[in-house]
Amino acid sequence: MKSYATIEGAAEAELVEKRSRFLSLASPVRDEGEASLLLSQIRARRHDASHHCYAYILRAGGIRRYSDDGEPSGTAGMPILEVLRRRGLSDTMVTVTRYFGGVLLGAGGLTRAYSQSAALCLDSAVVLDMRPCAVITLTVPYSLYGKLKNILPAYGVKTLADSFGEEVSLTLRLEKDRLPALCGELSELTAGAVRPLLLREEFAPL
């Protein structure tokens, strides 16, 4: 499991170049099915547009897709893809819809317009640094709960759930690489009485 960057939610921007309007949308996508559905929705909503160009990068399988959608080859999809690549984003799709304004931009002008459109919407997106994490559960007596609370912040632990019954039960998430050290300190603190149980591994923003 390796860290990766993606965006939190959709972000939009608009660019006008020689009377052509470029409407860009950056969206998080998990697979090709989501990317295809998003593109279909955009095409339906903006059915009167001249072009719907896009690019996306998916972490699973290292998939990279792009389309010029009728623009001269290499002037739209590839520039969008390059912006995504330079920013190190995965599981992210950018679509740029063009309404032709009657003035030809030329290959260089198109490349710049599509690159700038992609950059503009990504500039307004919230980027998430997704790290491999471990979700654990543990139960401690009240006599040790105070000591436990004191050591957790040093490991960047996030409490997902807690239950206060006869003992305190916690569900925690922390970076996977920090788990061995936390387990070691817990063992020393409780003389081996408290042993975290690994529930799952997942990616989470930290």
C-alpha atoms as a PDB file:
ATOM      1  CA  MET A   1       0.000   0.000   0.000  1.00  0.00           C
ATOM      2  CA  LYS A   2       1.488   3.306  -1.100  1.00  0.00           C
ATOM      3  CA  SER A   3       0.333   6.835  -0.362  1.00  0.00           C
ATOM      4  CA  TYR A   4      -1.423   8.724  -3.113  1.00  0.00           C
ATOM      5  CA  ALA A   5      -3.144  12.059  -3.694  1.00  0.00           C
ATOM      6  CA  THR A   6      -6.685  12.636  -4.904  1.00  0.00           C
ATOM      7  CA  ILE A   7      -9.332  15.348  -4.560  1.00  0.00           C
ATOM      8  CA  GLU A   8     -12.067  15.564  -1.963  1.00  0.00           C
ATOM      9  CA  GLY A   9     -14.951  16.592  -4.210  1.00  0.00           C
ATOM     10  CA  ALA A  10     -15.974  18.239  -7.457  1.00  0.00           C
ATOM     11  CA  ALA A  11     -14.512  21.597  -8.500  1.00  0.00           C
ATOM     12  CA  GLU A  12     -15.400  23.714 -11.531  1.00  0.00           C
ATOM     13  CA  ALA A  13     -13.899  26.573 -13.515  1.00  0.00           C
ATOM     14  CA  GLU A  14     -14.548  28.539 -16.681  1.00  0.00           C
ATOM     15  CA  LEU A  15     -12.118  29.963 -19.237  1.00  0.00           C
ATOM     16  CA  VAL A  16     -12.993  32.165 -22.227  1.00  0.00           C
ATOM     17  CA  GLU A  17     -10.486  32.212 -25.059  1.00  0.00           C
ATOM     18  CA  LYS A  18     -11.278  34.099 -28.280  1.00  0.00           C
ATOM     19  CA  ARG A  19     -14.996  33.725 -27.636  1.00  0.00           C
ATOM     20  CA  SER A  20     -14.772  29.958 -27.029  1.00  0.00           C
ATOM     21  CA  ARG A  21     -15.954  28.902 -23.561  1.00  0.00           C
ATOM     22  CA  PHE A  22     -14.133  26.110 -21.778  1.00  0.00           C
ATOM     23  CA  LEU A  23     -16.022  24.681 -18.793  1.00  0.00           C
ATOM     24  CA  SER A  24     -13.861  22.370 -16.710  1.00  0.00           C
ATOM     25  CA  LEU A  25     -14.851  19.959 -13.978  1.00  0.00           C
ATOM     26  CA  ALA A  26     -12.515  18.002 -11.704  1.00  0.00           C
ATOM     27  CA  SER A  27     -14.077  15.012  -9.938  1.00  0.00           C
ATOM     28  CA  PRO A  28     -12.918  12.104  -7.791  1.00  0.00           C
ATOM     29  CA  VAL A  29     -13.589   8.750  -9.494  1.00  0.00           C
ATOM     30  CA  ARG A  30     -12.920   5.261  -8.175  1.00  0.00           C
ATOM     31  CA  ASP A  31     -13.126   3.230 -11.375  1.00  0.00           C
ATOM     32  CA  GLU A  32     -13.846   3.378 -15.093  1.00  0.00           C
ATOM     33  CA  GLY A  33     -17.541   2.854 -14.502  1.00  0.00           C
ATOM     34  CA  GLU A  34     -17.768   6.048 -12.444  1.00  0.00           C
ATOM     35  CA  ALA A  35     -15.734   7.928 -15.058  1.00  0.00           C
ATOM     36  CA  SER A  36     -18.021   6.745 -17.864  1.00  0.00           C
ATOM     37  CA  LEU A  37     -21.156   7.662 -15.920  1.00  0.00           C
ATOM     38  CA  LEU A  38     -19.825  11.137 -15.148  1.00  0.00           C
ATOM     39  CA  LEU A  39     -18.973  11.748 -18.786  1.00  0.00           C
ATOM     40  CA  SER A  40     -22.453  10.617 -19.866  1.00  0.00           C
ATOM     41  CA  GLN A  41     -24.059  13.011 -17.397  1.00  0.00           C
ATOM     42  CA  ILE A  42     -21.964  15.922 -18.634  1.00  0.00           C
ATOM     43  CA  ARG A  43     -22.753  15.147 -22.259  1.00  0.00           C
ATOM     44  CA  ALA A  44     -26.457  15.011 -21.453  1.00  0.00           C
ATOM     45  CA  ARG A  45     -26.410  18.229 -19.439  1.00  0.00           C
ATOM     46  CA  ARG A  46     -24.334  20.134 -22.006  1.00  0.00           C
ATOM     47  CA  HIS A  47     -25.576  18.433 -25.143  1.00  0.00           C
ATOM     48  CA  ASP A  48     -25.205  21.583 -27.232  1.00  0.00           C
ATOM     49  CA  ALA A  49     -21.451  21.877 -26.657  1.00  0.00           C
ATOM     50  CA  SER A  50     -18.888  21.377 -29.415  1.00  0.00           C
ATOM     51  CA  HIS A  51     -16.537  19.021 -27.562  1.00  0.00           C
ATOM     52  CA  HIS A  52     -16.337  17.074 -24.306  1.00  0.00           C
ATOM     53  CA  CYS A  53     -12.664  16.293 -23.741  1.00  0.00           C
ATOM     54  CA  TYR A  54     -11.369  14.487 -20.689  1.00  0.00           C
ATOM     55  CA  ALA A  55      -8.613  12.604 -18.953  1.00  0.00           C
ATOM     56  CA  TYR A  56      -8.429  10.494 -15.812  1.00  0.00           C
ATOM     57  CA  ILE A  57      -5.916   8.508 -13.826  1.00  0.00           C
ATOM     58  CA  LEU A  58      -6.931   5.519 -11.709  1.00  0.00           C
ATOM     59  CA  ARG A  59      -4.721   4.064  -9.021  1.00  0.00           C
ATOM     60  CA  ALA A  60      -5.961   0.500  -9.496  1.00  0.00           C
ATOM     61  CA  GLY A  61      -4.186  -0.960 -12.495  1.00  0.00           C
ATOM     62  CA  GLY A  62      -2.369   2.300 -13.235  1.00  0.00           C
ATOM     63  CA  ILE A  63      -5.071   3.187 -15.778  1.00  0.00           C
ATOM     64  CA  ARG A  64      -4.758   6.422 -17.751  1.00  0.00           C
ATOM     65  CA  ARG A  65      -7.404   7.425 -20.274  1.00  0.00           C
ATOM     66  CA  TYR A  66      -7.969  10.564 -22.306  1.00  0.00           C
ATOM     67  CA  SER A  67      -9.980  11.789 -25.285  1.00  0.00           C
ATOM     68  CA  ASP A  68      -9.739  14.722 -27.716  1.00  0.00           C
ATOM     69  CA  ASP A  69     -13.401  14.224 -28.681  1.00  0.00           C
ATOM     70  CA  GLY A  70     -13.006  15.632 -32.178  1.00  0.00           C
ATOM     71  CA  GLU A  71     -10.377  18.251 -31.425  1.00  0.00           C
ATOM     72  CA  PRO A  72      -7.088  17.922 -33.380  1.00  0.00           C
ATOM     73  CA  SER A  73      -5.113  14.949 -32.091  1.00  0.00           C
ATOM     74  CA  GLY A  74      -3.020  15.697 -29.037  1.00  0.00           C
ATOM     75  CA  THR A  75      -4.485  19.159 -28.342  1.00  0.00           C
ATOM     76  CA  ALA A  76      -7.021  18.357 -25.609  1.00  0.00           C
ATOM     77  CA  GLY A  77      -7.024  15.011 -23.801  1.00  0.00           C
ATOM     78  CA  MET A  78      -3.268  14.640 -23.516  1.00  0.00           C
ATOM     79  CA  PRO A  79      -2.733  18.185 -22.150  1.00  0.00           C
ATOM     80  CA  ILE A  80      -5.425  17.518 -19.519  1.00  0.00           C
ATOM     81  CA  LEU A  81      -3.782  14.211 -18.622  1.00  0.00           C
ATOM     82  CA  GLU A  82      -0.416  15.919 -18.319  1.00  0.00           C
ATOM     83  CA  VAL A  83      -1.815  18.392 -15.775  1.00  0.00           C
ATOM     84  CA  LEU A  84      -3.125  15.484 -13.675  1.00  0.00           C
ATOM     85  CA  ARG A  85       0.207  13.689 -13.968  1.00  0.00           C
ATOM     86  CA  ARG A  86       2.286  16.735 -12.978  1.00  0.00           C
ATOM     87  CA  ARG A  87       0.145  17.239  -9.885  1.00  0.00           C
ATOM     88  CA  GLY A  88       0.514  13.610  -8.886  1.00  0.00           C
ATOM     89  CA  LEU A  89      -3.233  12.968  -8.694  1.00  0.00           C
ATOM     90  CA  SER A  90      -4.906   9.567  -8.889  1.00  0.00           C
ATOM     91  CA  ASP A  91      -8.554   8.480  -8.857  1.00  0.00           C
ATOM     92  CA  THR A  92      -9.262  11.861 -10.419  1.00  0.00           C
ATOM     93  CA  MET A  93     -10.978  12.891 -13.655  1.00  0.00           C
ATOM     94  CA  VAL A  94     -11.020  16.256 -15.414  1.00  0.00           C
ATOM     95  CA  THR A  95     -13.497  17.009 -18.177  1.00  0.00           C
ATOM     96  CA  VAL A  96     -13.356  20.145 -20.287  1.00  0.00           C
ATOM     97  CA  THR A  97     -16.432  21.067 -22.312  1.00  0.00           C
ATOM     98  CA  ARG A  98     -15.892  23.532 -25.152  1.00  0.00           C
ATOM     99  CA  TYR A  99     -18.476  25.824 -26.707  1.00  0.00           C
ATOM    100  CA  PHE A 100     -16.907  26.961 -29.983  1.00  0.00           C
ATOM    101  CA  GLY A 101     -16.880  30.744 -30.355  1.00  0.00           C
ATOM    102  CA  GLY A 102     -16.262  30.954 -34.089  1.00  0.00           C
ATOM    103  CA  VAL A 103     -12.527  31.702 -33.965  1.00  0.00           C
ATOM    104  CA  LEU A 104      -9.977  28.952 -34.624  1.00  0.00           C
ATOM    105  CA  LEU A 105      -7.323  28.730 -31.914  1.00  0.00           C
ATOM    106  CA  GLY A 106      -4.782  26.566 -33.685  1.00  0.00           C
ATOM    107  CA  ALA A 107      -3.032  23.572 -32.183  1.00  0.00           C
ATOM    108  CA  GLY A 108      -0.929  25.618 -29.783  1.00  0.00           C
ATOM    109  CA  GLY A 109      -3.867  27.727 -28.660  1.00  0.00           C
ATOM    110  CA  LEU A 110      -6.020  24.661 -28.038  1.00  0.00           C
ATOM    111  CA  THR A 111      -3.298  22.928 -26.057  1.00  0.00           C
ATOM    112  CA  ARG A 112      -2.835  25.971 -23.841  1.00  0.00           C
ATOM    113  CA  ALA A 113      -6.587  26.441 -23.361  1.00  0.00           C
ATOM    114  CA  TYR A 114      -7.215  22.830 -22.345  1.00  0.00           C
ATOM    115  CA  SER A 115      -4.164  22.762 -20.059  1.00  0.00           C
ATOM    116  CA  GLN A 116      -5.179  26.013 -18.400  1.00  0.00           C
ATOM    117  CA  SER A 117      -8.792  24.867 -18.008  1.00  0.00           C
ATOM    118  CA  ALA A 118      -7.680  21.680 -16.282  1.00  0.00           C
ATOM    119  CA  ALA A 119      -5.334  23.614 -14.008  1.00  0.00           C
ATOM    120  CA  LEU A 120      -8.017  26.158 -13.073  1.00  0.00           C
ATOM    121  CA  CYS A 121     -10.524  23.621 -11.781  1.00  0.00           C
ATOM    122  CA  LEU A 122      -7.837  21.667  -9.948  1.00  0.00           C
ATOM    123  CA  ASP A 123      -6.619  24.887  -8.337  1.00  0.00           C
ATOM    124  CA  SER A 124      -9.989  25.195  -6.605  1.00  0.00           C
ATOM    125  CA  ALA A 125     -10.167  21.513  -5.580  1.00  0.00           C
ATOM    126  CA  VAL A 126      -9.248  20.266  -2.106  1.00  0.00           C
ATOM    127  CA  VAL A 127      -6.369  17.805  -2.447  1.00  0.00           C
ATOM    128  CA  LEU A 128      -6.241  14.856  -0.054  1.00  0.00           C
ATOM    129  CA  ASP A 129      -3.048  13.074   0.926  1.00  0.00           C
ATOM    130  CA  MET A 130      -4.252   9.478   1.258  1.00  0.00           C
ATOM    131  CA  ARG A 131      -2.093   7.314   3.511  1.00  0.00           C
ATOM    132  CA  PRO A 132      -2.220   3.574   4.218  1.00  0.00           C
ATOM    133  CA  CYS A 133      -3.828   3.229   7.633  1.00  0.00           C
ATOM    134  CA  ALA A 134      -4.712   0.551  10.143  1.00  0.00           C
ATOM    135  CA  VAL A 135      -8.048   0.473  11.947  1.00  0.00           C
ATOM    136  CA  ILE A 136      -7.770  -1.213  15.332  1.00  0.00           C
ATOM    137  CA  THR A 137      -9.958  -1.879  18.319  1.00  0.00           C
ATOM    138  CA  LEU A 138      -8.879  -2.217  21.928  1.00  0.00           C
ATOM    139  CA  THR A 139     -10.414  -2.394  25.378  1.00  0.00           C
ATOM    140  CA  VAL A 140      -8.852  -0.903  28.487  1.00  0.00           C
ATOM    141  CA  PRO A 141      -9.919  -0.649  32.130  1.00  0.00           C
ATOM    142  CA  TYR A 142     -10.734   2.840  33.396  1.00  0.00           C
ATOM    143  CA  SER A 143      -7.577   2.777  35.501  1.00  0.00           C
ATOM    144  CA  LEU A 144      -5.454   2.816  32.318  1.00  0.00           C
ATOM    145  CA  TYR A 145      -7.665   5.008  30.141  1.00  0.00           C
ATOM    146  CA  GLY A 146      -6.012   8.252  31.214  1.00  0.00           C
ATOM    147  CA  LYS A 147      -2.538   6.929  30.393  1.00  0.00           C
ATOM    148  CA  LEU A 148      -3.783   5.651  27.047  1.00  0.00           C
ATOM    149  CA  LYS A 149      -5.235   9.040  26.115  1.00  0.00           C
ATOM    150  CA  ASN A 150      -1.897  10.659  26.884  1.00  0.00           C
ATOM    151  CA  ILE A 151       0.106   8.531  24.452  1.00  0.00           C
ATOM    152  CA  LEU A 152      -2.309   8.415  21.493  1.00  0.00           C
ATOM    153  CA  PRO A 153      -1.702  11.951  20.128  1.00  0.00           C
ATOM    154  CA  ALA A 154       1.980  11.169  19.508  1.00  0.00           C
ATOM    155  CA  TYR A 155       0.898   8.529  16.987  1.00  0.00           C
ATOM    156  CA  GLY A 156      -1.572  10.720  15.110  1.00  0.00           C
ATOM    157  CA  VAL A 157      -4.449   8.479  16.165  1.00  0.00           C
ATOM    158  CA  LYS A 158      -8.014   9.315  15.167  1.00  0.00           C
ATOM    159  CA  THR A 159     -10.820   7.915  17.321  1.00  0.00           C
ATOM    160  CA  LEU A 160     -13.566   6.469  15.114  1.00  0.00           C
ATOM    161  CA  ALA A 161     -15.787   5.133  17.894  1.00  0.00           C
ATOM    162  CA  ASP A 162     -15.795   4.724  21.660  1.00  0.00           C
ATOM    163  CA  SER A 163     -17.917   2.901  24.192  1.00  0.00           C
ATOM    164  CA  PHE A 164     -17.890   3.392  27.951  1.00  0.00           C
ATOM    165  CA  GLY A 165     -19.249   0.348  29.751  1.00  0.00           C
ATOM    166  CA  GLU A 166     -17.576  -1.771  32.359  1.00  0.00           C
ATOM    167  CA  GLU A 167     -14.402  -0.961  30.449  1.00  0.00           C
ATOM    168  CA  VAL A 168     -13.548   1.494  27.687  1.00  0.00           C
ATOM    169  CA  SER A 169     -13.672   0.143  24.128  1.00  0.00           C
ATOM    170  CA  LEU A 170     -12.117   2.205  21.330  1.00  0.00           C
ATOM    171  CA  THR A 171     -11.926   1.947  17.568  1.00  0.00           C
ATOM    172  CA  LEU A 172      -8.911   3.859  16.322  1.00  0.00           C
ATOM    173  CA  ARG A 173      -7.246   4.694  13.020  1.00  0.00           C
ATOM    174  CA  LEU A 174      -3.583   5.537  12.536  1.00  0.00           C
ATOM    175  CA  GLU A 175      -0.930   5.303   9.860  1.00  0.00           C
ATOM    176  CA  LYS A 176      -0.037   1.679   9.283  1.00  0.00           C
ATOM    177  CA  ASP A 177       3.688   2.303   9.777  1.00  0.00           C
ATOM    178  CA  ARG A 178       3.056   3.657  13.285  1.00  0.00           C
ATOM    179  CA  LEU A 179       1.117   0.630  14.499  1.00  0.00           C
ATOM    180  CA  PRO A 180       4.090  -1.511  15.640  1.00  0.00           C
ATOM    181  CA  ALA A 181       5.457   1.286  17.820  1.00  0.00           C
ATOM    182  CA  LEU A 182       2.033   1.928  19.365  1.00  0.00           C
ATOM    183  CA  CYS A 183       1.581  -1.761  20.096  1.00  0.00           C
ATOM    184  CA  GLY A 184       4.990  -1.833  21.752  1.00  0.00           C
ATOM    185  CA  GLU A 185       4.257   1.142  23.979  1.00  0.00           C
ATOM    186  CA  LEU A 186       0.828  -0.232  24.898  1.00  0.00           C
ATOM    187  CA  SER A 187       2.396  -3.523  25.871  1.00  0.00           C
ATOM    188  CA  GLU A 188       4.892  -1.764  28.142  1.00  0.00           C
ATOM    189  CA  LEU A 189       2.255   0.539  29.608  1.00  0.00           C
ATOM    190  CA  THR A 190      -0.170  -2.264  30.455  1.00  0.00           C
ATOM    191  CA  ALA A 191       2.278  -5.131  31.077  1.00  0.00           C
ATOM    192  CA  GLY A 192       0.866  -6.885  28.026  1.00  0.00           C
ATOM    193  CA  ALA A 193      -2.724  -6.684  29.235  1.00  0.00           C
ATOM    194  CA  VAL A 194      -3.961  -4.556  26.335  1.00  0.00           C
ATOM    195  CA  ARG A 195      -3.521  -5.952  22.836  1.00  0.00           C
ATOM    196  CA  PRO A 196      -4.999  -4.074  19.876  1.00  0.00           C
ATOM    197  CA  LEU A 197      -6.982  -6.091  17.363  1.00  0.00           C
ATOM    198  CA  LEU A 198      -6.516  -5.167  13.706  1.00  0.00           C
ATOM    199  CA  LEU A 199      -9.915  -4.730  12.077  1.00  0.00           C
ATOM    200  CA  ARG A 200      -8.862  -3.666   8.590  1.00  0.00           C
ATOM    201  CA  GLU A 201      -6.434  -1.694   6.488  1.00  0.00           C
ATOM    202  CA  GLU A 202      -7.617   1.261   4.438  1.00  0.00           C
ATOM    203  CA  PHE A 203      -6.549   4.529   2.894  1.00  0.00           C
ATOM    204  CA  ALA A 204      -7.489   7.719   4.721  1.00  0.00           C
ATOM    205  CA  PRO A 205      -6.542  11.407   4.471  1.00  0.00           C
ATOM    206  CA  LEU A 206      -4.099  12.566   7.106  1.00  0.00           C
END
